[in-house]
Amino acid sequence: MQSQQQEAPNGCGCGRGHGRRRQDGAAHGCDLSVAIEVGAPLRVEAHAAVLEALDDEYRARAFYLAVLERFPGALPFAHIVDSEDRHANKLIEILRAYGRDIPANSYIGSDDIRRSVPASRACACDLAVDEEKHNVSLYETRLLPAVVAFPAITHVFTRLMLASRERHLPAFQRWSATYRHWK
């Protein structure tokens, strides 16, 4: 039986040393290094989109932390939870740049979130797959169209969507299969 601490093939690419890195050292799919320059005031719909994106990152991070409470060190949760934190921090940076309030993460420690953690790592990965698919759809259908007039925010949203679609989603899919194989 293999150790549950081993990586899935090809890693998840979240910049934690377990995925491929570009020559410039930034994690492929997770590079959020863009200066947030405030030009025009943040429109109501763009502000709402940033808040919705932050709420989605908060919810995912809280679920991944709850999975780790139940299954300490479970991969890829142990790595991707840090990525979700970086994503939330970039969205917070946007809100600060525009002088907007930063909402607290009301999902952390939530009994509802804790109860949503299934009894197996494989099923937890399956729920995370659904979460990442929802995240990609959210960016494609609602969030990106709301910030098209703000290039820096569009860049951040695009990078967050790509991280979910190209890194997190495949990692959760691989680990779901791996956990089922180990049974």
Protein backbone atom coordinates (compact mmCIF):
# COMPACT_ATOMS: atom_id res chain seq x y z
CA MET A 1 0.00 0.00 0.00
CA GLN A 2 1.36 3.44 -0.93
CA SER A 3 1.66 6.27 1.55
CA GLN A 4 -1.20 8.72 1.40
CA GLN A 5 1.33 11.54 1.55
CA GLN A 6 2.69 10.84 -1.94
CA GLU A 7 1.86 13.15 -4.78
CA ALA A 8 -0.38 12.33 -7.67
CA PRO A 9 1.45 12.20 -11.00
CA ASN A 10 2.29 15.66 -12.39
CA GLY A 11 1.31 17.43 -9.14
CA CYS A 12 -1.40 20.04 -8.94
CA GLY A 13 0.76 22.98 -9.94
CA CYS A 14 -0.23 25.37 -7.19
CA GLY A 15 3.26 26.72 -6.65
CA ARG A 16 4.10 24.56 -3.65
CA GLY A 17 6.93 22.64 -5.29
CA HIS A 18 4.70 19.79 -6.40
CA GLY A 19 3.92 20.95 -9.90
CA ARG A 20 5.73 22.16 -12.98
CA ARG A 21 7.13 25.66 -12.78
CA ARG A 22 7.79 28.12 -15.54
CA GLN A 23 11.30 29.34 -16.18
CA ASP A 24 10.53 32.63 -14.41
CA GLY A 25 9.73 30.66 -11.24
CA ALA A 26 6.02 31.44 -11.12
CA ALA A 27 3.64 28.54 -10.77
CA HIS A 28 1.93 27.87 -14.10
CA GLY A 29 -1.74 28.75 -13.81
CA CYS A 30 -1.42 30.53 -10.46
CA ASP A 31 0.61 33.65 -11.26
CA LEU A 32 -1.33 36.51 -9.70
CA SER A 33 1.45 39.08 -9.88
CA VAL A 34 -0.29 42.06 -11.36
CA ALA A 35 -0.32 45.53 -9.91
CA ILE A 36 -3.79 46.75 -9.10
CA GLU A 37 -3.81 50.28 -10.41
CA VAL A 38 -6.90 52.26 -9.61
CA GLY A 39 -8.05 54.35 -12.53
CA ALA A 40 -11.79 54.63 -12.84
CA PRO A 41 -13.94 54.12 -9.75
CA LEU A 42 -15.01 50.54 -9.15
CA ARG A 43 -18.48 50.14 -10.61
CA VAL A 44 -21.23 48.52 -8.58
CA GLU A 45 -21.32 45.38 -10.76
CA ALA A 46 -17.52 45.01 -10.67
CA HIS A 47 -17.49 45.45 -6.88
CA ALA A 48 -20.23 42.82 -6.56
CA ALA A 49 -18.20 40.46 -8.78
CA VAL A 50 -15.08 40.85 -6.62
CA LEU A 51 -17.15 40.19 -3.49
CA GLU A 52 -18.74 37.11 -5.08
CA ALA A 53 -15.34 35.81 -6.16
CA LEU A 54 -13.99 36.35 -2.64
CA ASP A 55 -17.00 34.60 -1.13
CA ASP A 56 -16.42 31.64 -3.45
CA GLU A 57 -12.73 31.47 -2.46
CA TYR A 58 -13.68 31.75 1.23
CA ARG A 59 -16.22 28.91 0.93
CA ALA A 60 -13.79 26.62 -0.91
CA ARG A 61 -11.00 27.32 1.58
CA ALA A 62 -13.30 26.62 4.54
CA PHE A 63 -14.41 23.32 3.01
CA TYR A 64 -10.83 22.29 2.27
CA LEU A 65 -9.82 23.17 5.85
CA ALA A 66 -12.75 21.12 7.17
CA VAL A 67 -11.59 18.17 5.05
CA LEU A 68 -8.12 18.55 6.55
CA GLU A 69 -9.61 18.56 10.07
CA ARG A 70 -11.19 15.21 9.31
CA PHE A 71 -8.30 13.84 7.21
CA PRO A 72 -5.08 15.58 8.33
CA GLY A 73 -2.58 15.97 5.52
CA ALA A 74 -4.99 14.70 2.83
CA LEU A 75 -3.79 15.56 -0.64
CA PRO A 76 -4.36 17.61 -2.64
CA PHE A 77 -6.30 19.56 0.03
CA ALA A 78 -3.15 20.22 2.05
CA HIS A 79 -1.65 22.12 -0.88
CA ILE A 80 -4.68 23.64 -2.52
CA VAL A 81 -5.96 25.21 0.71
CA ASP A 82 -2.88 27.45 0.61
CA SER A 83 -3.64 28.34 -2.98
CA GLU A 84 -7.20 29.33 -2.06
CA ASP A 85 -5.74 31.56 0.64
CA ARG A 86 -3.48 33.29 -1.91
CA HIS A 87 -6.45 33.71 -4.24
CA ALA A 88 -8.55 35.30 -1.49
CA ASN A 89 -5.66 37.60 -0.58
CA LYS A 90 -5.38 38.85 -4.16
CA LEU A 91 -9.10 39.64 -4.18
CA ILE A 92 -8.69 41.42 -0.83
CA GLU A 93 -5.85 43.42 -2.41
CA ILE A 94 -8.26 44.54 -5.13
CA LEU A 95 -10.86 45.63 -2.57
CA ARG A 96 -8.23 47.53 -0.56
CA ALA A 97 -6.92 49.26 -3.69
CA TYR A 98 -10.41 50.61 -4.29
CA GLY A 99 -10.95 51.53 -0.64
CA ARG A 100 -13.66 48.93 -0.11
CA ASP A 101 -14.45 46.99 3.07
CA ILE A 102 -13.10 43.47 3.43
CA PRO A 103 -15.73 40.95 4.53
CA ALA A 104 -14.70 38.29 7.04
CA ASN A 105 -14.75 34.63 6.08
CA SER A 106 -18.01 33.56 7.72
CA TYR A 107 -17.50 29.97 6.51
CA ILE A 108 -14.49 29.20 8.73
CA GLY A 109 -15.58 26.92 11.56
CA SER A 110 -19.10 26.67 10.15
CA ASP A 111 -20.99 23.62 11.35
CA ASP A 112 -22.68 23.41 7.94
CA ILE A 113 -19.29 23.25 6.22
CA ARG A 114 -18.03 20.64 8.69
CA ARG A 115 -21.16 18.51 8.20
CA SER A 116 -20.66 18.65 4.44
CA VAL A 117 -17.35 16.75 4.67
CA PRO A 118 -18.01 13.16 3.56
CA ALA A 119 -16.71 10.02 5.24
CA SER A 120 -13.99 9.30 2.67
CA ARG A 121 -11.15 11.20 1.04
CA ALA A 122 -12.33 10.07 -2.41
CA CYS A 123 -15.80 11.52 -1.82
CA ALA A 124 -14.25 14.72 -0.45
CA CYS A 125 -12.27 14.98 -3.71
CA ASP A 126 -15.48 14.43 -5.68
CA LEU A 127 -17.13 17.34 -3.83
CA ALA A 128 -14.04 19.45 -4.50
CA VAL A 129 -14.31 18.57 -8.21
CA ASP A 130 -17.86 19.93 -8.14
CA GLU A 131 -16.66 23.04 -6.29
CA GLU A 132 -13.92 23.72 -8.83
CA LYS A 133 -16.32 23.18 -11.76
CA HIS A 134 -18.74 25.62 -10.14
CA ASN A 135 -15.88 28.09 -9.71
CA VAL A 136 -14.92 27.93 -13.40
CA SER A 137 -18.54 28.38 -14.47
CA LEU A 138 -18.98 31.30 -12.10
CA TYR A 139 -16.02 33.14 -13.61
CA GLU A 140 -17.02 32.36 -17.20
CA THR A 141 -20.68 33.27 -16.95
CA ARG A 142 -20.92 36.05 -14.37
CA LEU A 143 -17.70 37.36 -12.91
CA LEU A 144 -15.49 38.02 -15.93
CA PRO A 145 -18.23 39.83 -17.89
CA ALA A 146 -18.76 42.13 -14.89
CA VAL A 147 -15.15 43.36 -14.79
CA VAL A 148 -14.30 43.66 -18.49
CA ALA A 149 -13.69 47.42 -18.06
CA PHE A 150 -11.00 46.73 -15.43
CA PRO A 151 -7.97 45.04 -17.06
CA ALA A 152 -6.09 44.23 -13.83
CA ILE A 153 -9.18 42.66 -12.25
CA THR A 154 -9.90 40.79 -15.49
CA HIS A 155 -6.33 39.45 -15.37
CA VAL A 156 -6.72 38.26 -11.77
CA PHE A 157 -10.13 36.69 -12.46
CA THR A 158 -8.75 34.92 -15.53
CA ARG A 159 -5.80 33.54 -13.56
CA LEU A 160 -8.11 32.34 -10.78
CA MET A 161 -10.40 30.64 -13.29
CA LEU A 162 -7.44 28.98 -15.02
CA ALA A 163 -6.02 27.78 -11.70
CA SER A 164 -9.34 26.10 -10.94
CA ARG A 165 -9.80 24.61 -14.39
CA GLU A 166 -6.24 23.61 -15.25
CA ARG A 167 -4.72 22.83 -11.85
CA HIS A 168 -7.16 22.29 -9.01
CA LEU A 169 -9.83 20.38 -10.93
CA PRO A 170 -7.39 17.86 -12.46
CA ALA A 171 -5.62 17.42 -9.10
CA PHE A 172 -8.88 16.59 -7.33
CA GLN A 173 -9.88 14.24 -10.14
CA ARG A 174 -6.52 12.41 -9.95
CA TRP A 175 -6.62 12.12 -6.19
CA SER A 176 -10.21 10.88 -6.22
CA ALA A 177 -9.11 8.03 -8.51
CA THR A 178 -5.98 7.45 -6.42
CA TYR A 179 -7.93 7.18 -3.16
CA ARG A 180 -10.39 4.78 -4.76
CA HIS A 181 -7.51 2.68 -6.08
CA TRP A 182 -5.96 2.43 -2.59
CA LYS A 183 -9.08 0.84 -1.12
